[in-house]
């Protein structure tokens, strides 16, 4: 089981679940309301970026790649917060 996590496959599985969630939100919706692609990106994007940073750390990627994934999550999160307040 430790090999499953250290190889990054656990993060891959979570990313697949995120993609399935995005497809469901855009097709079926939530409480009868479909989400736009931009709304799904802003809602799920920060989490996906954080998962990519974790995967990079588990796989031994260089620190600039990990920092890039972490830095990309923040503006997506801010845009989502601003969108939800409007």
PDB file of N, CA and C in Angstrom:
ATOM      1  N   UNK A   1       0.814  -1.190   0.000  1.00  0.00           N
ATOM      2  CA  UNK A   1       0.000   0.000   0.000  1.00  0.00           C
ATOM      3  C   UNK A   1       0.860   1.258   0.000  1.00  0.00           C
ATOM      4  N   UNK A   2       2.020   1.200   0.644  1.00  0.00           N
ATOM      5  CA  UNK A   2       2.882   2.378   0.655  1.00  0.00           C
ATOM      6  C   UNK A   2       3.414   2.682  -0.748  1.00  0.00           C
ATOM      7  N   UNK A   3       3.592   1.648  -1.553  1.00  0.00           N
ATOM      8  CA  UNK A   3       4.024   1.861  -2.928  1.00  0.00           C
ATOM      9  C   UNK A   3       2.975   2.602  -3.743  1.00  0.00           C
ATOM     10  N   UNK A   4       1.700   2.364  -3.441  1.00  0.00           N
ATOM     11  CA  UNK A   4       0.606   3.037  -4.127  1.00  0.00           C
ATOM     12  C   UNK A   4       0.671   4.543  -3.883  1.00  0.00           C
ATOM     13  N   UNK A   5       0.996   4.926  -2.658  1.00  0.00           N
ATOM     14  CA  UNK A   5       1.075   6.345  -2.330  1.00  0.00           C
ATOM     15  C   UNK A   5       2.391   6.962  -2.782  1.00  0.00           C
ATOM     16  N   UNK A   6       3.493   6.271  -2.572  1.00  0.00           N
ATOM     17  CA  UNK A   6       4.793   6.847  -2.918  1.00  0.00           C
ATOM     18  C   UNK A   6       5.001   6.954  -4.424  1.00  0.00           C
ATOM     19  N   UNK A   7       4.284   6.154  -5.197  1.00  0.00           N
ATOM     20  CA  UNK A   7       4.413   6.227  -6.652  1.00  0.00           C
ATOM     21  C   UNK A   7       3.575   7.352  -7.250  1.00  0.00           C
ATOM     22  N   UNK A   8       2.696   7.947  -6.455  1.00  0.00           N
ATOM     23  CA  UNK A   8       1.851   9.016  -6.965  1.00  0.00           C
ATOM     24  C   UNK A   8       0.548   8.532  -7.548  1.00  0.00           C
ATOM     25  N   UNK A   9       0.319   7.219  -7.547  1.00  0.00           N
ATOM     26  CA  UNK A   9      -0.911   6.676  -8.129  1.00  0.00           C
ATOM     27  C   UNK A   9      -2.146   7.065  -7.324  1.00  0.00           C
ATOM     28  N   UNK A  10      -1.981   7.275  -6.018  1.00  0.00           N
ATOM     29  CA  UNK A  10      -3.119   7.713  -5.203  1.00  0.00           C
ATOM     30  C   UNK A  10      -3.591   9.084  -5.665  1.00  0.00           C
ATOM     31  N   UNK A  11      -2.652   9.967  -5.957  1.00  0.00           N
ATOM     32  CA  UNK A  11      -3.008  11.299  -6.451  1.00  0.00           C
ATOM     33  C   UNK A  11      -3.643  11.193  -7.830  1.00  0.00           C
ATOM     34  N   UNK A  12      -3.134  10.301  -8.669  1.00  0.00           N
ATOM     35  CA  UNK A  12      -3.734  10.094  -9.986  1.00  0.00           C
ATOM     36  C   UNK A  12      -5.193   9.666  -9.856  1.00  0.00           C
ATOM     37  N   UNK A  13      -5.475   8.784  -8.921  1.00  0.00           N
ATOM     38  CA  UNK A  13      -6.840   8.319  -8.702  1.00  0.00           C
ATOM     39  C   UNK A  13      -7.742   9.476  -8.269  1.00  0.00           C
ATOM     40  N   UNK A  14      -7.251  10.310  -7.378  1.00  0.00           N
ATOM     41  CA  UNK A  14      -8.033  11.463  -6.922  1.00  0.00           C
ATOM     42  C   UNK A  14      -8.270  12.433  -8.075  1.00  0.00           C
ATOM     43  N   UNK A  15      -7.280  12.629  -8.929  1.00  0.00           N
ATOM     44  CA  UNK A  15      -7.459  13.507 -10.088  1.00  0.00           C
ATOM     45  C   UNK A  15      -8.505  12.953 -11.052  1.00  0.00           C
ATOM     46  N   UNK A  16      -8.542  11.638 -11.216  1.00  0.00           N
ATOM     47  CA  UNK A  16      -9.567  11.020 -12.063  1.00  0.00           C
ATOM     48  C   UNK A  16     -10.953  11.270 -11.464  1.00  0.00           C
ATOM     49  N   UNK A  17     -11.066  11.156 -10.155  1.00  0.00           N
ATOM     50  CA  UNK A  17     -12.345  11.437  -9.496  1.00  0.00           C
ATOM     51  C   UNK A  17     -12.739  12.898  -9.695  1.00  0.00           C
ATOM     52  N   UNK A  18     -11.774  13.812  -9.645  1.00  0.00           N
ATOM     53  CA  UNK A  18     -12.059  15.229  -9.899  1.00  0.00           C
ATOM     54  C   UNK A  18     -12.571  15.455 -11.316  1.00  0.00           C
ATOM     55  N   UNK A  19     -11.990  14.784 -12.281  1.00  0.00           N
ATOM     56  CA  UNK A  19     -12.440  14.917 -13.669  1.00  0.00           C
ATOM     57  C   UNK A  19     -13.866  14.379 -13.808  1.00  0.00           C
ATOM     58  N   UNK A  20     -14.159  13.258 -13.165  1.00  0.00           N
ATOM     59  CA  UNK A  20     -15.519  12.707 -13.201  1.00  0.00           C
ATOM     60  C   UNK A  20     -16.492  13.694 -12.554  1.00  0.00           C
ATOM     61  N   UNK A  21     -16.091  14.283 -11.442  1.00  0.00           N
ATOM     62  CA  UNK A  21     -16.931  15.280 -10.781  1.00  0.00           C
ATOM     63  C   UNK A  21     -17.190  16.478 -11.693  1.00  0.00           C
ATOM     64  N   UNK A  22     -16.170  16.920 -12.411  1.00  0.00           N
ATOM     65  CA  UNK A  22     -16.337  18.049 -13.322  1.00  0.00           C
ATOM     66  C   UNK A  22     -17.332  17.718 -14.425  1.00  0.00           C
ATOM     67  N   UNK A  23     -17.221  16.522 -14.980  1.00  0.00           N
ATOM     68  CA  UNK A  23     -18.145  16.103 -16.045  1.00  0.00           C
ATOM     69  C   UNK A  23     -19.572  16.035 -15.505  1.00  0.00           C
ATOM     70  N   UNK A  24     -19.739  15.496 -14.318  1.00  0.00           N
ATOM     71  CA  UNK A  24     -21.083  15.400 -13.725  1.00  0.00           C
ATOM     72  C   UNK A  24     -21.655  16.794 -13.487  1.00  0.00           C
ATOM     73  N   UNK A  25     -20.861  17.711 -12.958  1.00  0.00           N
ATOM     74  CA  UNK A  25     -21.352  19.065 -12.694  1.00  0.00           C
ATOM     75  C   UNK A  25     -21.750  19.781 -13.974  1.00  0.00           C
ATOM     76  N   UNK A  26     -21.031  19.524 -15.061  1.00  0.00           N
ATOM     77  CA  UNK A  26     -21.348  20.205 -16.313  1.00  0.00           C
ATOM     78  C   UNK A  26     -22.515  19.547 -17.059  1.00  0.00           C
ATOM     79  N   UNK A  27     -22.774  18.262 -16.807  1.00  0.00           N
ATOM     80  CA  UNK A  27     -23.855  17.596 -17.540  1.00  0.00           C
ATOM     81  C   UNK A  27     -25.130  17.491 -16.696  1.00  0.00           C
ATOM     82  N   UNK A  28     -25.027  16.946 -15.504  1.00  0.00           N
ATOM     83  CA  UNK A  28     -26.201  16.750 -14.652  1.00  0.00           C
ATOM     84  C   UNK A  28     -26.451  17.982 -13.787  1.00  0.00           C
ATOM     85  N   UNK A  29     -25.383  18.526 -13.258  1.00  0.00           N
ATOM     86  CA  UNK A  29     -25.500  19.708 -12.408  1.00  0.00           C
ATOM     87  C   UNK A  29     -25.640  19.350 -10.944  1.00  0.00           C
ATOM     88  N   UNK A  30     -25.861  20.371 -10.159  1.00  0.00           N
ATOM     89  CA  UNK A  30     -26.025  20.238  -8.725  1.00  0.00           C
ATOM     90  C   UNK A  30     -27.311  20.936  -8.355  1.00  0.00           C
ATOM     91  N   UNK A  31     -28.233  20.206  -7.758  1.00  0.00           N
ATOM     92  CA  UNK A  31     -29.551  20.725  -7.407  1.00  0.00           C
ATOM     93  C   UNK A  31     -30.284  21.275  -8.624  1.00  0.00           C
ATOM     94  N   UNK A  32     -30.142  20.558  -9.725  1.00  0.00           N
ATOM     95  CA  UNK A  32     -30.863  20.927 -10.935  1.00  0.00           C
ATOM     96  C   UNK A  32     -30.249  22.063 -11.732  1.00  0.00           C
ATOM     97  N   UNK A  33     -29.076  22.514 -11.344  1.00  0.00           N
ATOM     98  CA  UNK A  33     -28.448  23.625 -12.050  1.00  0.00           C
ATOM     99  C   UNK A  33     -27.108  23.162 -12.611  1.00  0.00           C
ATOM    100  N   UNK A  34     -26.962  23.234 -13.939  1.00  0.00           N
ATOM    101  CA  UNK A  34     -25.687  22.857 -14.565  1.00  0.00           C
ATOM    102  C   UNK A  34     -24.661  23.955 -14.335  1.00  0.00           C
ATOM    103  N   UNK A  35     -23.424  23.535 -14.228  1.00  0.00           N
ATOM    104  CA  UNK A  35     -22.325  24.474 -14.056  1.00  0.00           C
ATOM    105  C   UNK A  35     -21.671  24.746 -15.398  1.00  0.00           C
ATOM    106  N   UNK A  36     -21.174  25.953 -15.572  1.00  0.00           N
ATOM    107  CA  UNK A  36     -20.399  26.268 -16.771  1.00  0.00           C
ATOM    108  C   UNK A  36     -18.992  25.697 -16.623  1.00  0.00           C
ATOM    109  N   UNK A  37     -18.302  25.600 -17.739  1.00  0.00           N
ATOM    110  CA  UNK A  37     -16.926  25.092 -17.700  1.00  0.00           C
ATOM    111  C   UNK A  37     -16.041  26.014 -16.861  1.00  0.00           C
ATOM    112  N   UNK A  38     -16.254  27.320 -16.974  1.00  0.00           N
ATOM    113  CA  UNK A  38     -15.459  28.267 -16.178  1.00  0.00           C
ATOM    114  C   UNK A  38     -15.751  28.103 -14.691  1.00  0.00           C
ATOM    115  N   UNK A  39     -17.000  27.880 -14.345  1.00  0.00           N
ATOM    116  CA  UNK A  39     -17.352  27.677 -12.940  1.00  0.00           C
ATOM    117  C   UNK A  39     -16.728  26.427 -12.360  1.00  0.00           C
ATOM    118  N   UNK A  40     -16.718  25.368 -13.157  1.00  0.00           N
ATOM    119  CA  UNK A  40     -16.094  24.119 -12.704  1.00  0.00           C
ATOM    120  C   UNK A  40     -14.596  24.294 -12.558  1.00  0.00           C
ATOM    121  N   UNK A  41     -13.975  24.986 -13.515  1.00  0.00           N
ATOM    122  CA  UNK A  41     -12.534  25.225 -13.429  1.00  0.00           C
ATOM    123  C   UNK A  41     -12.186  26.020 -12.181  1.00  0.00           C
ATOM    124  N   UNK A  42     -12.962  27.055 -11.893  1.00  0.00           N
ATOM    125  CA  UNK A  42     -12.663  27.878 -10.728  1.00  0.00           C
ATOM    126  C   UNK A  42     -12.942  27.137  -9.420  1.00  0.00           C
ATOM    127  N   UNK A  43     -13.917  26.244  -9.420  1.00  0.00           N
ATOM    128  CA  UNK A  43     -14.237  25.511  -8.193  1.00  0.00           C
ATOM    129  C   UNK A  43     -13.266  24.366  -7.930  1.00  0.00           C
ATOM    130  N   UNK A  44     -12.893  23.640  -8.975  1.00  0.00           N
ATOM    131  CA  UNK A  44     -12.059  22.447  -8.791  1.00  0.00           C
ATOM    132  C   UNK A  44     -10.586  22.679  -9.119  1.00  0.00           C
ATOM    133  N   UNK A  45     -10.287  23.765  -9.817  1.00  0.00           N
ATOM    134  CA  UNK A  45      -8.916  24.043 -10.233  1.00  0.00           C
ATOM    135  C   UNK A  45      -7.912  24.170  -9.101  1.00  0.00           C
ATOM    136  N   UNK A  46      -8.241  24.938  -8.041  1.00  0.00           N
ATOM    137  CA  UNK A  46      -7.255  25.049  -6.955  1.00  0.00           C
ATOM    138  C   UNK A  46      -6.913  23.707  -6.320  1.00  0.00           C
ATOM    139  N   UNK A  47      -7.910  22.873  -6.117  1.00  0.00           N
ATOM    140  CA  UNK A  47      -7.646  21.547  -5.551  1.00  0.00           C
ATOM    141  C   UNK A  47      -6.800  20.688  -6.473  1.00  0.00           C
ATOM    142  N   UNK A  48      -7.074  20.791  -7.773  1.00  0.00           N
ATOM    143  CA  UNK A  48      -6.276  20.029  -8.737  1.00  0.00           C
ATOM    144  C   UNK A  48      -4.824  20.497  -8.729  1.00  0.00           C
ATOM    145  N   UNK A  49      -4.622  21.803  -8.631  1.00  0.00           N
ATOM    146  CA  UNK A  49      -3.244  22.321  -8.568  1.00  0.00           C
ATOM    147  C   UNK A  49      -2.524  21.840  -7.317  1.00  0.00           C
ATOM    148  N   UNK A  50      -3.219  21.828  -6.187  1.00  0.00           N
ATOM    149  CA  UNK A  50      -2.605  21.331  -4.959  1.00  0.00           C
ATOM    150  C   UNK A  50      -2.275  19.847  -5.074  1.00  0.00           C
ATOM    151  N   UNK A  51      -3.160  19.089  -5.702  1.00  0.00           N
ATOM    152  CA  UNK A  51      -2.877  17.668  -5.913  1.00  0.00           C
ATOM    153  C   UNK A  51      -1.674  17.470  -6.818  1.00  0.00           C
ATOM    154  N   UNK A  52      -1.542  18.292  -7.840  1.00  0.00           N
ATOM    155  CA  UNK A  52      -0.371  18.190  -8.716  1.00  0.00           C
ATOM    156  C   UNK A  52       0.913  18.520  -7.956  1.00  0.00           C
ATOM    157  N   UNK A  53       0.839  19.468  -7.021  1.00  0.00           N
ATOM    158  CA  UNK A  53       2.011  19.778  -6.198  1.00  0.00           C
ATOM    159  C   UNK A  53       2.375  18.593  -5.306  1.00  0.00           C
ATOM    160  N   UNK A  54       1.380  17.955  -4.729  1.00  0.00           N
ATOM    161  CA  UNK A  54       1.641  16.770  -3.893  1.00  0.00           C
ATOM    162  C   UNK A  54       2.240  15.653  -4.740  1.00  0.00           C
ATOM    163  N   UNK A  55       1.674  15.469  -5.924  1.00  0.00           N
ATOM    164  CA  UNK A  55       2.206  14.416  -6.808  1.00  0.00           C
ATOM    165  C   UNK A  55       3.659  14.704  -7.178  1.00  0.00           C
ATOM    166  N   UNK A  56       3.952  15.964  -7.469  1.00  0.00           N
ATOM    167  CA  UNK A  56       5.325  16.338  -7.782  1.00  0.00           C
ATOM    168  C   UNK A  56       6.272  16.072  -6.622  1.00  0.00           C
ATOM    169  N   UNK A  57       5.811  16.391  -5.418  1.00  0.00           N
ATOM    170  CA  UNK A  57       6.648  16.153  -4.242  1.00  0.00           C
ATOM    171  C   UNK A  57       6.878  14.654  -4.029  1.00  0.00           C
ATOM    172  N   UNK A  58       5.831  13.862  -4.242  1.00  0.00           N
ATOM    173  CA  UNK A  58       5.981  12.407  -4.077  1.00  0.00           C
ATOM    174  C   UNK A  58       6.898  11.805  -5.129  1.00  0.00           C
ATOM    175  N   UNK A  59       6.880  12.372  -6.318  1.00  0.00           N
ATOM    176  CA  UNK A  59       7.660  11.819  -7.427  1.00  0.00           C
ATOM    177  C   UNK A  59       9.078  12.389  -7.480  1.00  0.00           C
ATOM    178  N   UNK A  60       9.388  13.335  -6.612  1.00  0.00           N
ATOM    179  CA  UNK A  60      10.731  13.888  -6.589  1.00  0.00           C
ATOM    180  C   UNK A  60      10.969  14.966  -7.633  1.00  0.00           C
ATOM    181  N   UNK A  61       9.923  15.669  -8.026  1.00  0.00           N
ATOM    182  CA  UNK A  61      10.072  16.749  -9.001  1.00  0.00           C
ATOM    183  C   UNK A  61      10.871  17.889  -8.372  1.00  0.00           C
ATOM    184  N   UNK A  62      11.438  18.702  -9.210  1.00  0.00           N
ATOM    185  CA  UNK A  62      12.193  19.851  -8.726  1.00  0.00           C
ATOM    186  C   UNK A  62      11.286  20.863  -8.050  1.00  0.00           C
ATOM    187  N   UNK A  63      11.877  21.631  -7.150  1.00  0.00           N
ATOM    188  CA  UNK A  63      11.063  22.575  -6.395  1.00  0.00           C
ATOM    189  C   UNK A  63      10.377  23.620  -7.267  1.00  0.00           C
ATOM    190  N   UNK A  64      10.936  24.047  -8.415  1.00  0.00           N
ATOM    191  CA  UNK A  64      10.191  25.034  -9.214  1.00  0.00           C
ATOM    192  C   UNK A  64       8.849  24.497  -9.723  1.00  0.00           C
ATOM    193  N   UNK A  65       8.779  23.208 -10.057  1.00  0.00           N
ATOM    194  CA  UNK A  65       7.514  22.644 -10.525  1.00  0.00           C
ATOM    195  C   UNK A  65       6.490  22.575  -9.407  1.00  0.00           C
ATOM    196  N   UNK A  66       6.952  22.218  -8.226  1.00  0.00           N
ATOM    197  CA  UNK A  66       6.049  22.163  -7.072  1.00  0.00           C
ATOM    198  C   UNK A  66       5.568  23.569  -6.724  1.00  0.00           C
ATOM    199  N   UNK A  67       6.489  24.520  -6.736  1.00  0.00           N
ATOM    200  CA  UNK A  67       6.120  25.908  -6.435  1.00  0.00           C
ATOM    201  C   UNK A  67       5.163  26.462  -7.489  1.00  0.00           C
ATOM    202  N   UNK A  68       5.355  26.095  -8.742  1.00  0.00           N
ATOM    203  CA  UNK A  68       4.459  26.556  -9.808  1.00  0.00           C
ATOM    204  C   UNK A  68       3.042  26.043  -9.586  1.00  0.00           C
ATOM    205  N   UNK A  69       2.916  24.780  -9.243  1.00  0.00           N
ATOM    206  CA  UNK A  69       1.586  24.220  -8.991  1.00  0.00           C
ATOM    207  C   UNK A  69       0.930  24.876  -7.781  1.00  0.00           C
ATOM    208  N   UNK A  70       1.705  25.118  -6.740  1.00  0.00           N
ATOM    209  CA  UNK A  70       1.162  25.790  -5.564  1.00  0.00           C
ATOM    210  C   UNK A  70       0.760  27.221  -5.883  1.00  0.00           C
ATOM    211  N   UNK A  71       1.604  27.917  -6.627  1.00  0.00           N
ATOM    212  CA  UNK A  71       1.309  29.308  -6.976  1.00  0.00           C
ATOM    213  C   UNK A  71       0.105  29.411  -7.898  1.00  0.00           C
ATOM    214  N   UNK A  72      -0.115  28.441  -8.751  1.00  0.00           N
ATOM    215  CA  UNK A  72      -1.261  28.483  -9.670  1.00  0.00           C
ATOM    216  C   UNK A  72      -2.578  28.305  -8.922  1.00  0.00           C
ATOM    217  N   UNK A  73      -2.549  27.635  -7.791  1.00  0.00           N
ATOM    218  CA  UNK A  73      -3.797  27.405  -7.062  1.00  0.00           C
ATOM    219  C   UNK A  73      -4.345  28.687  -6.442  1.00  0.00           C
ATOM    220  N   UNK A  74      -3.478  29.609  -6.059  1.00  0.00           N
ATOM    221  CA  UNK A  74      -3.943  30.806  -5.353  1.00  0.00           C
ATOM    222  C   UNK A  74      -4.787  31.737  -6.220  1.00  0.00           C
ATOM    223  N   UNK A  75      -4.347  32.120  -7.421  1.00  0.00           N
ATOM    224  CA  UNK A  75      -5.222  32.999  -8.218  1.00  0.00           C
ATOM    225  C   UNK A  75      -6.538  32.328  -8.615  1.00  0.00           C
ATOM    226  N   UNK A  76      -6.516  31.021  -8.838  1.00  0.00           N
ATOM    227  CA  UNK A  76      -7.769  30.321  -9.133  1.00  0.00           C
ATOM    228  C   UNK A  76      -8.711  30.374  -7.932  1.00  0.00           C
ATOM    229  N   UNK A  77      -8.154  30.197  -6.755  1.00  0.00           N
ATOM    230  CA  UNK A  77      -8.968  30.264  -5.545  1.00  0.00           C
ATOM    231  C   UNK A  77      -9.551  31.666  -5.362  1.00  0.00           C
ATOM    232  N   UNK A  78      -8.723  32.693  -5.544  1.00  0.00           N
ATOM    233  CA  UNK A  78      -9.220  34.070  -5.408  1.00  0.00           C
ATOM    234  C   UNK A  78     -10.314  34.367  -6.423  1.00  0.00           C
ATOM    235  N   UNK A  79     -10.133  33.925  -7.654  1.00  0.00           N
ATOM    236  CA  UNK A  79     -11.153  34.154  -8.685  1.00  0.00           C
ATOM    237  C   UNK A  79     -12.452  33.448  -8.316  1.00  0.00           C
ATOM    238  N   UNK A  80     -12.364  32.260  -7.738  1.00  0.00           N
ATOM    239  CA  UNK A  80     -13.560  31.543  -7.320  1.00  0.00           C
ATOM    240  C   UNK A  80     -14.267  32.273  -6.188  1.00  0.00           C
ATOM    241  N   UNK A  81     -13.511  32.769  -5.226  1.00  0.00           N
ATOM    242  CA  UNK A  81     -14.112  33.514  -4.117  1.00  0.00           C
ATOM    243  C   UNK A  81     -14.798  34.770  -4.625  1.00  0.00           C
ATOM    244  N   UNK A  82     -14.141  35.494  -5.534  1.00  0.00           N
ATOM    245  CA  UNK A  82     -14.745  36.704  -6.081  1.00  0.00           C
ATOM    246  C   UNK A  82     -16.000  36.363  -6.871  1.00  0.00           C
ATOM    247  N   UNK A  83     -15.965  35.294  -7.642  1.00  0.00           N
ATOM    248  CA  UNK A  83     -17.131  34.885  -8.422  1.00  0.00           C
ATOM    249  C   UNK A  83     -18.301  34.519  -7.519  1.00  0.00           C
ATOM    250  N   UNK A  84     -18.028  33.849  -6.434  1.00  0.00           N
ATOM    251  CA  UNK A  84     -19.100  33.425  -5.529  1.00  0.00           C
ATOM    252  C   UNK A  84     -19.699  34.591  -4.742  1.00  0.00           C
ATOM    253  N   UNK A  85     -18.927  35.623  -4.529  1.00  0.00           N
ATOM    254  CA  UNK A  85     -19.439  36.801  -3.799  1.00  0.00           C
ATOM    255  C   UNK A  85     -20.315  37.672  -4.679  1.00  0.00           C
ATOM    256  N   UNK A  86     -20.122  37.573  -6.000  1.00  0.00           N
ATOM    257  CA  UNK A  86     -20.882  38.441  -6.905  1.00  0.00           C
ATOM    258  C   UNK A  86     -22.311  37.979  -7.064  1.00  0.00           C
TER     259      UNK A  86
END
